[in-house]
Amino acid sequence: MFVKNTPWSLITILIVLAGLAGAGWLYLHPSGNPEKKEQGGKHINPVPVEVDVIKQGPIHLRLPFSGTLEARAEFVVSPKIGGRILSLAVDLSDIVNRG
């Protein structure tokens, strides 16, 4: 079926071509937020954040965690002379001073 060369058929063809060109432009250049950033070829939208005044108060939420603590340095305590310990005046994690 052939298209007749009439003014209406020419206008219809031009409208269809303009629509296809517009759809191609929107597909290749998506519009949207002008603040979009591109990382690695992917568009990344900014994440909205809320800002509030810093307040001082008690902590209501407590969560238990488990784990292992490791010291940065270790050393071995050994006496220079032999003998028995008669009493131990300190306990673990007690603060000791010289003398």
PDB file of N, CA and C in Angstrom:
ATOM      1  N   MET A   1       0.837  -1.165   0.000  1.00  0.00           N
ATOM      2  CA  MET A   1       0.000   0.000   0.000  1.00  0.00           C
ATOM      3  C   MET A   1       0.888   1.235   0.000  1.00  0.00           C
ATOM      4  N   PHE A   2       0.677   2.081  -0.921  1.00  0.00           N
ATOM      5  CA  PHE A   2       1.489   3.282  -1.079  1.00  0.00           C
ATOM      6  C   PHE A   2       0.781   4.479  -0.461  1.00  0.00           C
ATOM      7  N   VAL A   3       1.561   5.418   0.025  1.00  0.00           N
ATOM      8  CA  VAL A   3       1.013   6.626   0.617  1.00  0.00           C
ATOM      9  C   VAL A   3       0.893   7.669  -0.485  1.00  0.00           C
ATOM     10  N   LYS A   4      -0.258   8.286  -0.534  1.00  0.00           N
ATOM     11  CA  LYS A   4      -0.467   9.326  -1.546  1.00  0.00           C
ATOM     12  C   LYS A   4       0.223  10.598  -1.092  1.00  0.00           C
ATOM     13  N   ASN A   5       0.709  11.373  -2.022  1.00  0.00           N
ATOM     14  CA  ASN A   5       1.382  12.629  -1.706  1.00  0.00           C
ATOM     15  C   ASN A   5       0.350  13.723  -1.486  1.00  0.00           C
ATOM     16  N   THR A   6      -0.256  13.712  -0.315  1.00  0.00           N
ATOM     17  CA  THR A   6      -1.199  14.760   0.046  1.00  0.00           C
ATOM     18  C   THR A   6      -0.620  15.519   1.226  1.00  0.00           C
ATOM     19  N   PRO A   7      -1.057  16.738   1.458  1.00  0.00           N
ATOM     20  CA  PRO A   7      -0.525  17.502   2.591  1.00  0.00           C
ATOM     21  C   PRO A   7      -0.788  16.818   3.943  1.00  0.00           C
ATOM     22  N   TRP A   8      -1.911  16.149   4.105  1.00  0.00           N
ATOM     23  CA  TRP A   8      -2.224  15.490   5.373  1.00  0.00           C
ATOM     24  C   TRP A   8      -1.318  14.293   5.630  1.00  0.00           C
ATOM     25  N   SER A   9      -1.000  13.544   4.622  1.00  0.00           N
ATOM     26  CA  SER A   9      -0.106  12.398   4.817  1.00  0.00           C
ATOM     27  C   SER A   9       1.307  12.874   5.144  1.00  0.00           C
ATOM     28  N   LEU A  10       1.736  13.988   4.549  1.00  0.00           N
ATOM     29  CA  LEU A  10       3.058  14.541   4.850  1.00  0.00           C
ATOM     30  C   LEU A  10       3.109  15.050   6.292  1.00  0.00           C
ATOM     31  N   ILE A  11       2.048  15.709   6.742  1.00  0.00           N
ATOM     32  CA  ILE A  11       1.992  16.194   8.126  1.00  0.00           C
ATOM     33  C   ILE A  11       1.980  15.012   9.097  1.00  0.00           C
ATOM     34  N   THR A  12       1.243  13.959   8.773  1.00  0.00           N
ATOM     35  CA  THR A  12       1.182  12.776   9.631  1.00  0.00           C
ATOM     36  C   THR A  12       2.554  12.123   9.743  1.00  0.00           C
ATOM     37  N   ILE A  13       3.266  12.010   8.647  1.00  0.00           N
ATOM     38  CA  ILE A  13       4.609  11.411   8.662  1.00  0.00           C
ATOM     39  C   ILE A  13       5.557  12.270   9.485  1.00  0.00           C
ATOM     40  N   LEU A  14       5.468  13.593   9.336  1.00  0.00           N
ATOM     41  CA  LEU A  14       6.331  14.478  10.127  1.00  0.00           C
ATOM     42  C   LEU A  14       6.033  14.373  11.623  1.00  0.00           C
ATOM     43  N   ILE A  15       4.771  14.254  12.009  1.00  0.00           N
ATOM     44  CA  ILE A  15       4.406  14.118  13.426  1.00  0.00           C
ATOM     45  C   ILE A  15       4.925  12.801  13.990  1.00  0.00           C
ATOM     46  N   VAL A  16       4.800  11.722  13.208  1.00  0.00           N
ATOM     47  CA  VAL A  16       5.306  10.413  13.662  1.00  0.00           C
ATOM     48  C   VAL A  16       6.820  10.455  13.809  1.00  0.00           C
ATOM     49  N   LEU A  17       7.523  11.047  12.854  1.00  0.00           N
ATOM     50  CA  LEU A  17       8.975  11.150  12.951  1.00  0.00           C
ATOM     51  C   LEU A  17       9.406  12.014  14.141  1.00  0.00           C
ATOM     52  N   ALA A  18       8.679  13.100  14.389  1.00  0.00           N
ATOM     53  CA  ALA A  18       9.000  13.953  15.541  1.00  0.00           C
ATOM     54  C   ALA A  18       8.764  13.202  16.845  1.00  0.00           C
ATOM     55  N   GLY A  19       7.702  12.423  16.894  1.00  0.00           N
ATOM     56  CA  GLY A  19       7.434  11.614  18.093  1.00  0.00           C
ATOM     57  C   GLY A  19       8.521  10.577  18.324  1.00  0.00           C
ATOM     58  N   LEU A  20       8.960   9.918  17.263  1.00  0.00           N
ATOM     59  CA  LEU A  20      10.039   8.929  17.389  1.00  0.00           C
ATOM     60  C   LEU A  20      11.353   9.601  17.811  1.00  0.00           C
ATOM     61  N   ALA A  21      11.627  10.781  17.255  1.00  0.00           N
ATOM     62  CA  ALA A  21      12.845  11.495  17.638  1.00  0.00           C
ATOM     63  C   ALA A  21      12.779  11.917  19.103  1.00  0.00           C
ATOM     64  N   GLY A  22      11.627  12.387  19.564  1.00  0.00           N
ATOM     65  CA  GLY A  22      11.459  12.773  20.969  1.00  0.00           C
ATOM     66  C   GLY A  22      11.596  11.585  21.899  1.00  0.00           C
ATOM     67  N   ALA A  23      11.022  10.436  21.523  1.00  0.00           N
ATOM     68  CA  ALA A  23      11.141   9.231  22.353  1.00  0.00           C
ATOM     69  C   ALA A  23      12.590   8.768  22.419  1.00  0.00           C
ATOM     70  N   GLY A  24      13.299   8.847  21.291  1.00  0.00           N
ATOM     71  CA  GLY A  24      14.720   8.475  21.287  1.00  0.00           C
ATOM     72  C   GLY A  24      15.547   9.404  22.157  1.00  0.00           C
ATOM     73  N   TRP A  25      15.234  10.697  22.118  1.00  0.00           N
ATOM     74  CA  TRP A  25      15.964  11.663  22.959  1.00  0.00           C
ATOM     75  C   TRP A  25      15.715  11.374  24.434  1.00  0.00           C
ATOM     76  N   LEU A  26      14.471  11.104  24.812  1.00  0.00           N
ATOM     77  CA  LEU A  26      14.168  10.797  26.214  1.00  0.00           C
ATOM     78  C   LEU A  26      14.820   9.493  26.663  1.00  0.00           C
ATOM     79  N   TYR A  27      14.934   8.538  25.760  1.00  0.00           N
ATOM     80  CA  TYR A  27      15.565   7.264  26.110  1.00  0.00           C
ATOM     81  C   TYR A  27      17.064   7.434  26.309  1.00  0.00           C
ATOM     82  N   LEU A  28      17.708   8.202  25.443  1.00  0.00           N
ATOM     83  CA  LEU A  28      19.159   8.363  25.524  1.00  0.00           C
ATOM     84  C   LEU A  28      19.573   9.401  26.559  1.00  0.00           C
ATOM     85  N   HIS A  29      18.734  10.397  26.815  1.00  0.00           N
ATOM     86  CA  HIS A  29      19.042  11.460  27.781  1.00  0.00           C
ATOM     87  C   HIS A  29      17.878  11.582  28.756  1.00  0.00           C
ATOM     88  N   PRO A  30      17.830  10.716  29.787  1.00  0.00           N
ATOM     89  CA  PRO A  30      16.677  10.773  30.697  1.00  0.00           C
ATOM     90  C   PRO A  30      16.682  12.073  31.487  1.00  0.00           C
ATOM     91  N   SER A  31      15.535  12.690  31.547  1.00  0.00           N
ATOM     92  CA  SER A  31      15.419  13.921  32.327  1.00  0.00           C
ATOM     93  C   SER A  31      15.138  13.545  33.768  1.00  0.00           C
ATOM     94  N   GLY A  32      15.206  14.499  34.639  1.00  0.00           N
ATOM     95  CA  GLY A  32      14.949  14.221  36.045  1.00  0.00           C
ATOM     96  C   GLY A  32      15.679  15.215  36.901  1.00  0.00           C
ATOM     97  N   ASN A  33      16.191  14.748  37.991  1.00  0.00           N
ATOM     98  CA  ASN A  33      16.869  15.600  38.951  1.00  0.00           C
ATOM     99  C   ASN A  33      18.190  16.081  38.373  1.00  0.00           C
ATOM    100  N   PRO A  34      18.400  17.406  38.265  1.00  0.00           N
ATOM    101  CA  PRO A  34      19.667  17.890  37.706  1.00  0.00           C
ATOM    102  C   PRO A  34      20.850  17.658  38.635  1.00  0.00           C
ATOM    103  N   GLU A  35      20.583  17.284  39.920  1.00  0.00           N
ATOM    104  CA  GLU A  35      21.664  17.036  40.868  1.00  0.00           C
ATOM    105  C   GLU A  35      22.122  15.578  40.851  1.00  0.00           C
ATOM    106  N   LYS A  36      21.645  14.794  39.889  1.00  0.00           N
ATOM    107  CA  LYS A  36      22.073  13.405  39.803  1.00  0.00           C
ATOM    108  C   LYS A  36      23.568  13.337  39.549  1.00  0.00           C
ATOM    109  N   LYS A  37      24.203  12.397  40.167  1.00  0.00           N
ATOM    110  CA  LYS A  37      25.627  12.201  39.941  1.00  0.00           C
ATOM    111  C   LYS A  37      25.810  10.878  39.233  1.00  0.00           C
ATOM    112  N   GLU A  38      26.886  10.786  38.509  1.00  0.00           N
ATOM    113  CA  GLU A  38      27.152   9.571  37.761  1.00  0.00           C
ATOM    114  C   GLU A  38      28.412   8.928  38.310  1.00  0.00           C
ATOM    115  N   GLN A  39      28.314   7.642  38.608  1.00  0.00           N
ATOM    116  CA  GLN A  39      29.455   6.911  39.135  1.00  0.00           C
ATOM    117  C   GLN A  39      29.521   5.569  38.427  1.00  0.00           C
ATOM    118  N   GLY A  40      30.575   5.361  37.707  1.00  0.00           N
ATOM    119  CA  GLY A  40      30.736   4.098  36.991  1.00  0.00           C
ATOM    120  C   GLY A  40      29.687   3.880  35.924  1.00  0.00           C
ATOM    121  N   GLY A  41      29.182   4.958  35.331  1.00  0.00           N
ATOM    122  CA  GLY A  41      28.192   4.810  34.271  1.00  0.00           C
ATOM    123  C   GLY A  41      26.773   4.681  34.789  1.00  0.00           C
ATOM    124  N   LYS A  42      26.572   4.667  36.113  1.00  0.00           N
ATOM    125  CA  LYS A  42      25.241   4.537  36.677  1.00  0.00           C
ATOM    126  C   LYS A  42      24.846   5.863  37.317  1.00  0.00           C
ATOM    127  N   HIS A  43      23.589   6.244  37.145  1.00  0.00           N
ATOM    128  CA  HIS A  43      23.091   7.470  37.761  1.00  0.00           C
ATOM    129  C   HIS A  43      22.764   7.182  39.223  1.00  0.00           C
ATOM    130  N   ILE A  44      23.234   8.052  40.110  1.00  0.00           N
ATOM    131  CA  ILE A  44      22.992   7.890  41.536  1.00  0.00           C
ATOM    132  C   ILE A  44      22.201   9.100  42.018  1.00  0.00           C
ATOM    133  N   ASN A  45      21.045   8.864  42.606  1.00  0.00           N
ATOM    134  CA  ASN A  45      20.237   9.948  43.140  1.00  0.00           C
ATOM    135  C   ASN A  45      20.758  10.326  44.522  1.00  0.00           C
ATOM    136  N   PRO A  46      20.746  11.613  44.869  1.00  0.00           N
ATOM    137  CA  PRO A  46      21.172  11.995  46.218  1.00  0.00           C
ATOM    138  C   PRO A  46      20.193  11.472  47.256  1.00  0.00           C
ATOM    139  N   VAL A  47      20.714  11.138  48.425  1.00  0.00           N
ATOM    140  CA  VAL A  47      19.899  10.594  49.507  1.00  0.00           C
ATOM    141  C   VAL A  47      19.465  11.745  50.415  1.00  0.00           C
ATOM    142  N   PRO A  48      18.175  11.874  50.681  1.00  0.00           N
ATOM    143  CA  PRO A  48      17.746  12.949  51.571  1.00  0.00           C
ATOM    144  C   PRO A  48      18.151  12.650  53.009  1.00  0.00           C
ATOM    145  N   VAL A  49      18.584  13.672  53.728  1.00  0.00           N
ATOM    146  CA  VAL A  49      18.974  13.518  55.127  1.00  0.00           C
ATOM    147  C   VAL A  49      18.212  14.533  55.971  1.00  0.00           C
ATOM    148  N   GLU A  50      18.063  14.221  57.253  1.00  0.00           N
ATOM    149  CA  GLU A  50      17.430  15.133  58.182  1.00  0.00           C
ATOM    150  C   GLU A  50      18.487  15.682  59.121  1.00  0.00           C
ATOM    151  N   VAL A  51      18.404  16.950  59.435  1.00  0.00           N
ATOM    152  CA  VAL A  51      19.350  17.608  60.328  1.00  0.00           C
ATOM    153  C   VAL A  51      18.594  18.042  61.572  1.00  0.00           C
ATOM    154  N   ASP A  52      19.199  17.832  62.742  1.00  0.00           N
ATOM    155  CA  ASP A  52      18.560  18.198  63.990  1.00  0.00           C
ATOM    156  C   ASP A  52      19.593  18.807  64.917  1.00  0.00           C
ATOM    157  N   VAL A  53      19.131  19.516  65.927  1.00  0.00           N
ATOM    158  CA  VAL A  53      20.007  20.134  66.905  1.00  0.00           C
ATOM    159  C   VAL A  53      20.534  19.041  67.844  1.00  0.00           C
ATOM    160  N   ILE A  54      21.809  19.163  68.236  1.00  0.00           N
ATOM    161  CA  ILE A  54      22.407  18.187  69.148  1.00  0.00           C
ATOM    162  C   ILE A  54      21.819  18.388  70.537  1.00  0.00           C
ATOM    163  N   LYS A  55      21.371  17.291  71.149  1.00  0.00           N
ATOM    164  CA  LYS A  55      20.775  17.341  72.473  1.00  0.00           C
ATOM    165  C   LYS A  55      21.568  16.441  73.409  1.00  0.00           C
ATOM    166  N   GLN A  56      21.650  16.846  74.670  1.00  0.00           N
ATOM    167  CA  GLN A  56      22.338  16.039  75.658  1.00  0.00           C
ATOM    168  C   GLN A  56      21.295  15.403  76.558  1.00  0.00           C
ATOM    169  N   GLY A  57      21.435  14.104  76.813  1.00  0.00           N
ATOM    170  CA  GLY A  57      20.478  13.406  77.648  1.00  0.00           C
ATOM    171  C   GLY A  57      20.921  11.985  77.898  1.00  0.00           C
ATOM    172  N   PRO A  58      20.135  11.250  78.644  1.00  0.00           N
ATOM    173  CA  PRO A  58      20.511   9.861  78.946  1.00  0.00           C
ATOM    174  C   PRO A  58      20.306   8.950  77.735  1.00  0.00           C
ATOM    175  N   ILE A  59      21.054   7.879  77.724  1.00  0.00           N
ATOM    176  CA  ILE A  59      20.920   6.889  76.656  1.00  0.00           C
ATOM    177  C   ILE A  59      19.872   5.872  77.088  1.00  0.00           C
ATOM    178  N   HIS A  60      18.858   5.710  76.280  1.00  0.00           N
ATOM    179  CA  HIS A  60      17.771   4.806  76.627  1.00  0.00           C
ATOM    180  C   HIS A  60      17.948   3.423  76.018  1.00  0.00           C
ATOM    181  N   LEU A  61      18.677   3.325  74.955  1.00  0.00           N
ATOM    182  CA  LEU A  61      18.820   2.052  74.258  1.00  0.00           C
ATOM    183  C   LEU A  61      20.169   1.437  74.590  1.00  0.00           C
ATOM    184  N   ARG A  62      20.144   0.222  75.088  1.00  0.00           N
ATOM    185  CA  ARG A  62      21.376  -0.504  75.391  1.00  0.00           C
ATOM    186  C   ARG A  62      21.323  -1.829  74.661  1.00  0.00           C
ATOM    187  N   LEU A  63      22.402  -2.153  73.979  1.00  0.00           N
ATOM    188  CA  LEU A  63      22.479  -3.394  73.225  1.00  0.00           C
ATOM    189  C   LEU A  63      23.676  -4.204  73.704  1.00  0.00           C
ATOM    190  N   PRO A  64      23.494  -5.475  73.965  1.00  0.00           N
ATOM    191  CA  PRO A  64      24.645  -6.310  74.361  1.00  0.00           C
ATOM    192  C   PRO A  64      25.404  -6.783  73.122  1.00  0.00           C
ATOM    193  N   PHE A  65      26.712  -6.755  73.210  1.00  0.00           N
ATOM    194  CA  PHE A  65      27.564  -7.240  72.137  1.00  0.00           C
ATOM    195  C   PHE A  65      28.560  -8.232  72.719  1.00  0.00           C
ATOM    196  N   SER A  66      29.018  -9.135  71.923  1.00  0.00           N
ATOM    197  CA  SER A  66      30.042 -10.067  72.373  1.00  0.00           C
ATOM    198  C   SER A  66      31.238  -9.958  71.437  1.00  0.00           C
ATOM    199  N   GLY A  67      32.399 -10.252  71.968  1.00  0.00           N
ATOM    200  CA  GLY A  67      33.609 -10.168  71.154  1.00  0.00           C
ATOM    201  C   GLY A  67      34.826 -10.530  71.975  1.00  0.00           C
ATOM    202  N   THR A  68      35.964 -10.347  71.389  1.00  0.00           N
ATOM    203  CA  THR A  68      37.220 -10.674  72.037  1.00  0.00           C
ATOM    204  C   THR A  68      38.112  -9.445  72.032  1.00  0.00           C
ATOM    205  N   LEU A  69      38.699  -9.141  73.182  1.00  0.00           N
ATOM    206  CA  LEU A  69      39.655  -8.048  73.284  1.00  0.00           C
ATOM    207  C   LEU A  69      41.054  -8.633  73.245  1.00  0.00           C
ATOM    208  N   GLU A  70      41.908  -8.025  72.461  1.00  0.00           N
ATOM    209  CA  GLU A  70      43.288  -8.464  72.381  1.00  0.00           C
ATOM    210  C   GLU A  70      44.202  -7.294  72.683  1.00  0.00           C
ATOM    211  N   ALA A  71      45.242  -7.556  73.487  1.00  0.00           N
ATOM    212  CA  ALA A  71      46.187  -6.511  73.851  1.00  0.00           C
ATOM    213  C   ALA A  71      47.113  -6.204  72.690  1.00  0.00           C
ATOM    214  N   ARG A  72      47.587  -4.949  72.642  1.00  0.00           N
ATOM    215  CA  ARG A  72      48.551  -4.579  71.609  1.00  0.00           C
ATOM    216  C   ARG A  72      49.922  -5.169  71.902  1.00  0.00           C
ATOM    217  N   ALA A  73      50.227  -5.359  73.179  1.00  0.00           N
ATOM    218  CA  ALA A  73      51.530  -5.903  73.564  1.00  0.00           C
ATOM    219  C   ALA A  73      51.348  -6.836  74.753  1.00  0.00           C
ATOM    220  N   GLU A  74      52.193  -7.828  74.844  1.00  0.00           N
ATOM    221  CA  GLU A  74      52.182  -8.768  75.963  1.00  0.00           C
ATOM    222  C   GLU A  74      53.596  -8.908  76.485  1.00  0.00           C
ATOM    223  N   PHE A  75      53.700  -9.207  77.758  1.00  0.00           N
ATOM    224  CA  PHE A  75      55.014  -9.480  78.325  1.00  0.00           C
ATOM    225  C   PHE A  75      54.863 -10.519  79.434  1.00  0.00           C
ATOM    226  N   VAL A  76      55.927 -11.231  79.701  1.00  0.00           N
ATOM    227  CA  VAL A  76      55.938 -12.285  80.705  1.00  0.00           C
ATOM    228  C   VAL A  76      56.606 -11.744  81.961  1.00  0.00           C
ATOM    229  N   VAL A  77      55.932 -11.925  83.083  1.00  0.00           N
ATOM    230  CA  VAL A  77      56.489 -11.510  84.365  1.00  0.00           C
ATOM    231  C   VAL A  77      57.081 -12.752  85.013  1.00  0.00           C
ATOM    232  N   SER A  78      58.375 -12.689  85.272  1.00  0.00           N
ATOM    233  CA  SER A  78      59.022 -13.819  85.948  1.00  0.00           C
ATOM    234  C   SER A  78      59.985 -13.270  87.000  1.00  0.00           C
ATOM    235  N   PRO A  79      60.001 -13.893  88.151  1.00  0.00           N
ATOM    236  CA  PRO A  79      60.883 -13.403  89.210  1.00  0.00           C
ATOM    237  C   PRO A  79      62.343 -13.753  88.943  1.00  0.00           C
ATOM    238  N   LYS A  80      63.232 -12.963  89.525  1.00  0.00           N
ATOM    239  CA  LYS A  80      64.658 -13.236  89.389  1.00  0.00           C
ATOM    240  C   LYS A  80      65.132 -14.252  90.413  1.00  0.00           C
ATOM    241  N   ILE A  81      64.332 -14.449  91.446  1.00  0.00           N
ATOM    242  CA  ILE A  81      64.680 -15.446  92.460  1.00  0.00           C
ATOM    243  C   ILE A  81      63.501 -16.380  92.656  1.00  0.00           C
ATOM    244  N   GLY A  82      63.731 -17.558  93.152  1.00  0.00           N
ATOM    245  CA  GLY A  82      62.678 -18.540  93.385  1.00  0.00           C
ATOM    246  C   GLY A  82      62.027 -18.332  94.734  1.00  0.00           C
ATOM    247  N   GLY A  83      60.818 -18.784  94.914  1.00  0.00           N
ATOM    248  CA  GLY A  83      60.136 -18.691  96.191  1.00  0.00           C
ATOM    249  C   GLY A  83      58.637 -18.851  96.018  1.00  0.00           C
ATOM    250  N   ARG A  84      57.921 -18.755  97.139  1.00  0.00           N
ATOM    251  CA  ARG A  84      56.462 -18.879  97.126  1.00  0.00           C
ATOM    252  C   ARG A  84      55.834 -17.537  97.460  1.00  0.00           C
ATOM    253  N   ILE A  85      54.661 -17.263  96.853  1.00  0.00           N
ATOM    254  CA  ILE A  85      53.914 -16.049  97.157  1.00  0.00           C
ATOM    255  C   ILE A  85      53.049 -16.349  98.379  1.00  0.00           C
ATOM    256  N   LEU A  86      53.192 -15.557  99.435  1.00  0.00           N
ATOM    257  CA  LEU A  86      52.420 -15.761 100.654  1.00  0.00           C
ATOM    258  C   LEU A  86      51.064 -15.063 100.572  1.00  0.00           C
ATOM    259  N   SER A  87      51.019 -13.865  99.987  1.00  0.00           N
ATOM    260  CA  SER A  87      49.738 -13.160  99.851  1.00  0.00           C
ATOM    261  C   SER A  87      49.789 -12.302  98.582  1.00  0.00           C
ATOM    262  N   LEU A  88      48.617 -12.081  98.014  1.00  0.00           N
ATOM    263  CA  LEU A  88      48.485 -11.251  96.814  1.00  0.00           C
ATOM    264  C   LEU A  88      47.560 -10.098  97.185  1.00  0.00           C
ATOM    265  N   ALA A  89      48.119  -8.888  97.305  1.00  0.00           N
ATOM    266  CA  ALA A  89      47.375  -7.740  97.827  1.00  0.00           C
ATOM    267  C   ALA A  89      46.543  -7.032  96.755  1.00  0.00           C
ATOM    268  N   VAL A  90      46.655  -7.409  95.513  1.00  0.00           N
ATOM    269  CA  VAL A  90      45.896  -6.761  94.446  1.00  0.00           C
ATOM    270  C   VAL A  90      45.133  -7.811  93.659  1.00  0.00           C
ATOM    271  N   ASP A  91      44.143  -7.346  92.935  1.00  0.00           N
ATOM    272  CA  ASP A  91      43.341  -8.238  92.097  1.00  0.00           C
ATOM    273  C   ASP A  91      43.500  -7.802  90.645  1.00  0.00           C
ATOM    274  N   LEU A  92      42.960  -8.570  89.753  1.00  0.00           N
ATOM    275  CA  LEU A  92      43.006  -8.202  88.337  1.00  0.00           C
ATOM    276  C   LEU A  92      42.352  -6.841  88.143  1.00  0.00           C
ATOM    277  N   SER A  93      42.913  -6.027  87.306  1.00  0.00           N
ATOM    278  CA  SER A  93      42.454  -4.685  86.921  1.00  0.00           C
ATOM    279  C   SER A  93      42.540  -3.660  88.049  1.00  0.00           C
ATOM    280  N   ASP A  94      43.227  -3.989  89.163  1.00  0.00           N
ATOM    281  CA  ASP A  94      43.462  -2.986  90.203  1.00  0.00           C
ATOM    282  C   ASP A  94      44.591  -2.063  89.760  1.00  0.00           C
ATOM    283  N   ILE A  95      44.502  -0.804  90.169  1.00  0.00           N
ATOM    284  CA  ILE A  95      45.554   0.154  89.856  1.00  0.00           C
ATOM    285  C   ILE A  95      46.606   0.044  90.949  1.00  0.00           C
ATOM    286  N   VAL A  96      47.860  -0.061  90.523  1.00  0.00           N
ATOM    287  CA  VAL A  96      48.967  -0.153  91.496  1.00  0.00           C
ATOM    288  C   VAL A  96      49.919   1.000  91.259  1.00  0.00           C
ATOM    289  N   ASN A  97      50.535   1.437  92.317  1.00  0.00           N
ATOM    290  CA  ASN A  97      51.522   2.512  92.261  1.00  0.00           C
ATOM    291  C   ASN A  97      52.850   1.993  92.769  1.00  0.00           C
ATOM    292  N   ARG A  98      53.896   2.679  92.402  1.00  0.00           N
ATOM    293  CA  ARG A  98      55.224   2.287  92.846  1.00  0.00           C
ATOM    294  C   ARG A  98      55.299   2.400  94.362  1.00  0.00           C
ATOM    295  N   GLY A  99      55.918   1.395  95.003  1.00  0.00           N
ATOM    296  CA  GLY A  99      56.123   1.411  96.446  1.00  0.00           C
ATOM    297  C   GLY A  99      55.012   0.640  97.113  1.00  0.00           C
TER     298      GLY A  99
END
